[in-house]
Amino acid sequence: MERNLSTRLAAEGINICCYKVNGMACEDICMEHSISGFPSVLILKEGIEVNRILGVTSGRNLRHIYKKVK
């Protein structure tokens, strides 16, 4: 999902930063952000969560969500 999101948005001139966390090894981070399912995508704007995607979603939906945030 990260590659899909990064590639599609970069093609439209939207820059993003992606970070990966191994949920099994980093339970504290998952607890801090209330992540209970994988894959999870948290969209942050200026350090504040503005949207969350749980599970696999299409590139079209990812683009729509990200444009809404932008």
PDB file of N, CA and C in Angstrom:
ATOM      1  N   MET A   1       0.819  -1.178   0.000  1.00  0.00           N
ATOM      2  CA  MET A   1       0.000   0.000   0.000  1.00  0.00           C
ATOM      3  C   MET A   1       0.871   1.253   0.000  1.00  0.00           C
ATOM      4  N   GLU A   2       1.993   1.196   0.696  1.00  0.00           N
ATOM      5  CA  GLU A   2       2.889   2.365   0.747  1.00  0.00           C
ATOM      6  C   GLU A   2       3.363   2.737  -0.656  1.00  0.00           C
ATOM      7  N   ARG A   3       3.788   1.733  -1.433  1.00  0.00           N
ATOM      8  CA  ARG A   3       4.278   2.007  -2.787  1.00  0.00           C
ATOM      9  C   ARG A   3       3.169   2.606  -3.645  1.00  0.00           C
ATOM     10  N   ASN A   4       1.968   2.070  -3.534  1.00  0.00           N
ATOM     11  CA  ASN A   4       0.824   2.569  -4.290  1.00  0.00           C
ATOM     12  C   ASN A   4       0.543   4.021  -3.930  1.00  0.00           C
ATOM     13  N   LEU A   5       0.507   4.314  -2.662  1.00  0.00           N
ATOM     14  CA  LEU A   5       0.234   5.667  -2.193  1.00  0.00           C
ATOM     15  C   LEU A   5       1.337   6.628  -2.625  1.00  0.00           C
ATOM     16  N   SER A   6       2.577   6.269  -2.387  1.00  0.00           N
ATOM     17  CA  SER A   6       3.705   7.139  -2.724  1.00  0.00           C
ATOM     18  C   SER A   6       3.794   7.405  -4.218  1.00  0.00           C
ATOM     19  N   THR A   7       3.698   6.354  -5.022  1.00  0.00           N
ATOM     20  CA  THR A   7       3.843   6.480  -6.471  1.00  0.00           C
ATOM     21  C   THR A   7       2.722   7.319  -7.079  1.00  0.00           C
ATOM     22  N   ARG A   8       1.498   7.013  -6.722  1.00  0.00           N
ATOM     23  CA  ARG A   8       0.361   7.733  -7.305  1.00  0.00           C
ATOM     24  C   ARG A   8       0.351   9.210  -6.909  1.00  0.00           C
ATOM     25  N   LEU A   9       0.626   9.485  -5.666  1.00  0.00           N
ATOM     26  CA  LEU A   9       0.591  10.875  -5.222  1.00  0.00           C
ATOM     27  C   LEU A   9       1.789  11.656  -5.742  1.00  0.00           C
ATOM     28  N   ALA A  10       2.949  11.024  -5.819  1.00  0.00           N
ATOM     29  CA  ALA A  10       4.145  11.696  -6.354  1.00  0.00           C
ATOM     30  C   ALA A  10       3.910  12.098  -7.807  1.00  0.00           C
ATOM     31  N   ALA A  11       3.194  11.265  -8.556  1.00  0.00           N
ATOM     32  CA  ALA A  11       2.897  11.571  -9.957  1.00  0.00           C
ATOM     33  C   ALA A  11       2.024  12.824 -10.076  1.00  0.00           C
ATOM     34  N   GLU A  12       1.314  13.146  -9.016  1.00  0.00           N
ATOM     35  CA  GLU A  12       0.454  14.332  -9.003  1.00  0.00           C
ATOM     36  C   GLU A  12       1.108  15.508  -8.280  1.00  0.00           C
ATOM     37  N   GLY A  13       2.395  15.364  -7.940  1.00  0.00           N
ATOM     38  CA  GLY A  13       3.117  16.452  -7.292  1.00  0.00           C
ATOM     39  C   GLY A  13       2.857  16.573  -5.798  1.00  0.00           C
ATOM     40  N   ILE A  14       2.325  15.519  -5.185  1.00  0.00           N
ATOM     41  CA  ILE A  14       2.047  15.528  -3.746  1.00  0.00           C
ATOM     42  C   ILE A  14       3.159  14.738  -3.059  1.00  0.00           C
ATOM     43  N   ASN A  15       3.899  15.387  -2.173  1.00  0.00           N
ATOM     44  CA  ASN A  15       4.989  14.728  -1.461  1.00  0.00           C
ATOM     45  C   ASN A  15       4.516  14.220  -0.115  1.00  0.00           C
ATOM     46  N   ILE A  16       4.900  12.981   0.200  1.00  0.00           N
ATOM     47  CA  ILE A  16       4.539  12.395   1.487  1.00  0.00           C
ATOM     48  C   ILE A  16       5.760  11.721   2.090  1.00  0.00           C
ATOM     49  N   CYS A  17       5.709  11.487   3.380  1.00  0.00           N
ATOM     50  CA  CYS A  17       6.714  10.704   4.078  1.00  0.00           C
ATOM     51  C   CYS A  17       6.010   9.475   4.643  1.00  0.00           C
ATOM     52  N   CYS A  18       6.596   8.314   4.428  1.00  0.00           N
ATOM     53  CA  CYS A  18       6.031   7.075   4.949  1.00  0.00           C
ATOM     54  C   CYS A  18       6.979   6.486   5.977  1.00  0.00           C
ATOM     55  N   TYR A  19       6.420   5.999   7.053  1.00  0.00           N
ATOM     56  CA  TYR A  19       7.198   5.334   8.092  1.00  0.00           C
ATOM     57  C   TYR A  19       6.562   3.983   8.339  1.00  0.00           C
ATOM     58  N   LYS A  20       7.377   2.964   8.493  1.00  0.00           N
ATOM     59  CA  LYS A  20       6.889   1.621   8.761  1.00  0.00           C
ATOM     60  C   LYS A  20       7.217   1.252  10.195  1.00  0.00           C
ATOM     61  N   VAL A  21       6.281   0.526  10.809  1.00  0.00           N
ATOM     62  CA  VAL A  21       6.491   0.055  12.173  1.00  0.00           C
ATOM     63  C   VAL A  21       6.140  -1.425  12.218  1.00  0.00           C
ATOM     64  N   ASN A  22       7.000  -2.225  12.800  1.00  0.00           N
ATOM     65  CA  ASN A  22       6.696  -3.627  13.026  1.00  0.00           C
ATOM     66  C   ASN A  22       5.831  -3.683  14.281  1.00  0.00           C
ATOM     67  N   GLY A  23       4.547  -3.922  14.074  1.00  0.00           N
ATOM     68  CA  GLY A  23       3.592  -3.883  15.186  1.00  0.00           C
ATOM     69  C   GLY A  23       3.887  -4.864  16.296  1.00  0.00           C
ATOM     70  N   MET A  24       4.404  -6.032  15.932  1.00  0.00           N
ATOM     71  CA  MET A  24       4.703  -7.036  16.955  1.00  0.00           C
ATOM     72  C   MET A  24       5.894  -6.603  17.809  1.00  0.00           C
ATOM     73  N   ALA A  25       6.847  -5.910  17.208  1.00  0.00           N
ATOM     74  CA  ALA A  25       8.052  -5.506  17.932  1.00  0.00           C
ATOM     75  C   ALA A  25       7.895  -4.145  18.615  1.00  0.00           C
ATOM     76  N   CYS A  26       6.914  -3.364  18.193  1.00  0.00           N
ATOM     77  CA  CYS A  26       6.758  -1.995  18.710  1.00  0.00           C
ATOM     78  C   CYS A  26       5.353  -1.782  19.273  1.00  0.00           C
ATOM     79  N   GLU A  27       4.992  -2.606  20.218  1.00  0.00           N
ATOM     80  CA  GLU A  27       3.651  -2.518  20.799  1.00  0.00           C
ATOM     81  C   GLU A  27       3.375  -1.157  21.426  1.00  0.00           C
ATOM     82  N   ASP A  28       4.399  -0.524  21.983  1.00  0.00           N
ATOM     83  CA  ASP A  28       4.203   0.774  22.633  1.00  0.00           C
ATOM     84  C   ASP A  28       3.745   1.837  21.627  1.00  0.00           C
ATOM     85  N   ILE A  29       4.327   1.822  20.430  1.00  0.00           N
ATOM     86  CA  ILE A  29       3.927   2.791  19.402  1.00  0.00           C
ATOM     87  C   ILE A  29       2.495   2.511  18.962  1.00  0.00           C
ATOM     88  N   CYS A  30       2.158   1.232  18.786  1.00  0.00           N
ATOM     89  CA  CYS A  30       0.799   0.869  18.389  1.00  0.00           C
ATOM     90  C   CYS A  30      -0.215   1.288  19.457  1.00  0.00           C
ATOM     91  N   MET A  31       0.134   1.110  20.704  1.00  0.00           N
ATOM     92  CA  MET A  31      -0.765   1.518  21.791  1.00  0.00           C
ATOM     93  C   MET A  31      -0.925   3.038  21.805  1.00  0.00           C
ATOM     94  N   GLU A  32       0.161   3.747  21.621  1.00  0.00           N
ATOM     95  CA  GLU A  32       0.132   5.214  21.629  1.00  0.00           C
ATOM     96  C   GLU A  32      -0.809   5.763  20.557  1.00  0.00           C
ATOM     97  N   HIS A  33      -0.839   5.102  19.392  1.00  0.00           N
ATOM     98  CA  HIS A  33      -1.652   5.576  18.273  1.00  0.00           C
ATOM     99  C   HIS A  33      -2.930   4.759  18.074  1.00  0.00           C
ATOM    100  N   SER A  34      -3.250   3.897  19.033  1.00  0.00           N
ATOM    101  CA  SER A  34      -4.456   3.058  18.990  1.00  0.00           C
ATOM    102  C   SER A  34      -4.559   2.243  17.706  1.00  0.00           C
ATOM    103  N   ILE A  35      -3.453   1.622  17.324  1.00  0.00           N
ATOM    104  CA  ILE A  35      -3.430   0.765  16.144  1.00  0.00           C
ATOM    105  C   ILE A  35      -3.664  -0.667  16.602  1.00  0.00           C
ATOM    106  N   SER A  36      -4.744  -1.266  16.076  1.00  0.00           N
ATOM    107  CA  SER A  36      -5.052  -2.628  16.479  1.00  0.00           C
ATOM    108  C   SER A  36      -5.132  -3.581  15.300  1.00  0.00           C
ATOM    109  N   GLY A  37      -5.123  -3.069  14.080  1.00  0.00           N
ATOM    110  CA  GLY A  37      -5.190  -3.916  12.891  1.00  0.00           C
ATOM    111  C   GLY A  37      -4.122  -3.529  11.897  1.00  0.00           C
ATOM    112  N   PHE A  38      -3.777  -4.472  11.049  1.00  0.00           N
ATOM    113  CA  PHE A  38      -2.735  -4.218  10.064  1.00  0.00           C
ATOM    114  C   PHE A  38      -3.252  -4.623   8.691  1.00  0.00           C
ATOM    115  N   PRO A  39      -2.962  -3.923   7.618  1.00  0.00           N
ATOM    116  CA  PRO A  39      -2.199  -2.681   7.609  1.00  0.00           C
ATOM    117  C   PRO A  39      -3.044  -1.505   8.097  1.00  0.00           C
ATOM    118  N   SER A  40      -2.398  -0.542   8.670  1.00  0.00           N
ATOM    119  CA  SER A  40      -3.024   0.701   9.103  1.00  0.00           C
ATOM    120  C   SER A  40      -2.226   1.863   8.527  1.00  0.00           C
ATOM    121  N   VAL A  41      -2.927   2.857   8.056  1.00  0.00           N
ATOM    122  CA  VAL A  41      -2.286   4.071   7.564  1.00  0.00           C
ATOM    123  C   VAL A  41      -2.854   5.227   8.361  1.00  0.00           C
ATOM    124  N   LEU A  42      -1.979   5.961   9.020  1.00  0.00           N
ATOM    125  CA  LEU A  42      -2.395   7.165   9.734  1.00  0.00           C
ATOM    126  C   LEU A  42      -1.931   8.354   8.909  1.00  0.00           C
ATOM    127  N   ILE A  43      -2.835   9.263   8.609  1.00  0.00           N
ATOM    128  CA  ILE A  43      -2.479  10.457   7.860  1.00  0.00           C
ATOM    129  C   ILE A  43      -2.388  11.601   8.852  1.00  0.00           C
ATOM    130  N   LEU A  44      -1.188  12.160   8.966  1.00  0.00           N
ATOM    131  CA  LEU A  44      -0.929  13.242   9.912  1.00  0.00           C
ATOM    132  C   LEU A  44      -0.696  14.537   9.150  1.00  0.00           C
ATOM    133  N   LYS A  45      -1.207  15.601   9.687  1.00  0.00           N
ATOM    134  CA  LYS A  45      -0.950  16.930   9.135  1.00  0.00           C
ATOM    135  C   LYS A  45      -0.455  17.782  10.287  1.00  0.00           C
ATOM    136  N   GLU A  46       0.782  18.253  10.162  1.00  0.00           N
ATOM    137  CA  GLU A  46       1.430  19.026  11.220  1.00  0.00           C
ATOM    138  C   GLU A  46       1.420  18.263  12.541  1.00  0.00           C
ATOM    139  N   GLY A  47       1.650  16.942  12.447  1.00  0.00           N
ATOM    140  CA  GLY A  47       1.759  16.104  13.635  1.00  0.00           C
ATOM    141  C   GLY A  47       0.445  15.669  14.253  1.00  0.00           C
ATOM    142  N   ILE A  48      -0.682  16.049  13.670  1.00  0.00           N
ATOM    143  CA  ILE A  48      -1.993  15.702  14.212  1.00  0.00           C
ATOM    144  C   ILE A  48      -2.692  14.743  13.250  1.00  0.00           C
ATOM    145  N   GLU A  49      -3.240  13.645  13.789  1.00  0.00           N
ATOM    146  CA  GLU A  49      -3.938  12.678  12.949  1.00  0.00           C
ATOM    147  C   GLU A  49      -5.211  13.306  12.386  1.00  0.00           C
ATOM    148  N   VAL A  50      -5.341  13.256  11.067  1.00  0.00           N
ATOM    149  CA  VAL A  50      -6.526  13.814  10.413  1.00  0.00           C
ATOM    150  C   VAL A  50      -7.347  12.747   9.708  1.00  0.00           C
ATOM    151  N   ASN A  51      -6.769  11.571   9.521  1.00  0.00           N
ATOM    152  CA  ASN A  51      -7.507  10.472   8.915  1.00  0.00           C
ATOM    153  C   ASN A  51      -6.778   9.179   9.202  1.00  0.00           C
ATOM    154  N   ARG A  52      -7.512   8.076   9.080  1.00  0.00           N
ATOM    155  CA  ARG A  52      -6.953   6.756   9.361  1.00  0.00           C
ATOM    156  C   ARG A  52      -7.573   5.775   8.375  1.00  0.00           C
ATOM    157  N   ILE A  53      -6.740   4.919   7.817  1.00  0.00           N
ATOM    158  CA  ILE A  53      -7.202   3.889   6.895  1.00  0.00           C
ATOM    159  C   ILE A  53      -6.821   2.545   7.501  1.00  0.00           C
ATOM    160  N   LEU A  54      -7.799   1.680   7.681  1.00  0.00           N
ATOM    161  CA  LEU A  54      -7.540   0.350   8.214  1.00  0.00           C
ATOM    162  C   LEU A  54      -7.771  -0.667   7.113  1.00  0.00           C
ATOM    163  N   GLY A  55      -6.837  -1.575   6.952  1.00  0.00           N
ATOM    164  CA  GLY A  55      -6.951  -2.598   5.922  1.00  0.00           C
ATOM    165  C   GLY A  55      -6.463  -2.093   4.574  1.00  0.00           C
ATOM    166  N   VAL A  56      -6.537  -2.963   3.588  1.00  0.00           N
ATOM    167  CA  VAL A  56      -6.076  -2.628   2.240  1.00  0.00           C
ATOM    168  C   VAL A  56      -7.178  -1.855   1.531  1.00  0.00           C
ATOM    169  N   THR A  57      -6.795  -0.802   0.827  1.00  0.00           N
ATOM    170  CA  THR A  57      -7.754   0.006   0.077  1.00  0.00           C
ATOM    171  C   THR A  57      -7.180   0.317  -1.302  1.00  0.00           C
ATOM    172  N   SER A  58      -8.027   0.692  -2.208  1.00  0.00           N
ATOM    173  CA  SER A  58      -7.586   0.938  -3.588  1.00  0.00           C
ATOM    174  C   SER A  58      -6.786   2.234  -3.690  1.00  0.00           C
ATOM    175  N   GLY A  59      -5.991   2.333  -4.759  1.00  0.00           N
ATOM    176  CA  GLY A  59      -5.235   3.558  -5.019  1.00  0.00           C
ATOM    177  C   GLY A  59      -6.154   4.747  -5.199  1.00  0.00           C
ATOM    178  N   ARG A  60      -7.275   4.528  -5.824  1.00  0.00           N
ATOM    179  CA  ARG A  60      -8.261   5.603  -6.038  1.00  0.00           C
ATOM    180  C   ARG A  60      -8.761   6.164  -4.700  1.00  0.00           C
ATOM    181  N   ASN A  61      -9.090   5.273  -3.781  1.00  0.00           N
ATOM    182  CA  ASN A  61      -9.547   5.728  -2.461  1.00  0.00           C
ATOM    183  C   ASN A  61      -8.436   6.434  -1.698  1.00  0.00           C
ATOM    184  N   LEU A  62      -7.203   5.919  -1.802  1.00  0.00           N
ATOM    185  CA  LEU A  62      -6.083   6.572  -1.126  1.00  0.00           C
ATOM    186  C   LEU A  62      -5.897   7.993  -1.645  1.00  0.00           C
ATOM    187  N   ARG A  63      -5.953   8.147  -2.963  1.00  0.00           N
ATOM    188  CA  ARG A  63      -5.784   9.469  -3.567  1.00  0.00           C
ATOM    189  C   ARG A  63      -6.901  10.418  -3.110  1.00  0.00           C
ATOM    190  N   HIS A  64      -8.119   9.929  -3.074  1.00  0.00           N
ATOM    191  CA  HIS A  64      -9.262  10.743  -2.652  1.00  0.00           C
ATOM    192  C   HIS A  64      -9.096  11.200  -1.202  1.00  0.00           C
ATOM    193  N   ILE A  65      -8.717  10.284  -0.338  1.00  0.00           N
ATOM    194  CA  ILE A  65      -8.527  10.630   1.074  1.00  0.00           C
ATOM    195  C   ILE A  65      -7.412  11.639   1.237  1.00  0.00           C
ATOM    196  N   TYR A  66      -6.302  11.428   0.532  1.00  0.00           N
ATOM    197  CA  TYR A  66      -5.167  12.327   0.695  1.00  0.00           C
ATOM    198  C   TYR A  66      -5.466  13.725   0.154  1.00  0.00           C
ATOM    199  N   LYS A  67      -6.194  13.801  -0.961  1.00  0.00           N
ATOM    200  CA  LYS A  67      -6.557  15.106  -1.513  1.00  0.00           C
ATOM    201  C   LYS A  67      -7.478  15.865  -0.576  1.00  0.00           C
ATOM    202  N   LYS A  68      -8.339  15.137   0.121  1.00  0.00           N
ATOM    203  CA  LYS A  68      -9.231  15.753   1.098  1.00  0.00           C
ATOM    204  C   LYS A  68      -8.439  16.388   2.228  1.00  0.00           C
ATOM    205  N   VAL A  69      -7.380  15.735   2.621  1.00  0.00           N
ATOM    206  CA  VAL A  69      -6.535  16.213   3.721  1.00  0.00           C
ATOM    207  C   VAL A  69      -5.702  17.408   3.279  1.00  0.00           C
ATOM    208  N   LYS A  70      -5.231  17.360   2.045  1.00  0.00           N
ATOM    209  CA  LYS A  70      -4.344  18.382   1.520  1.00  0.00           C
ATOM    210  C   LYS A  70      -5.044  19.709   1.526  1.00  0.00           C
TER     211      LYS A  70
END
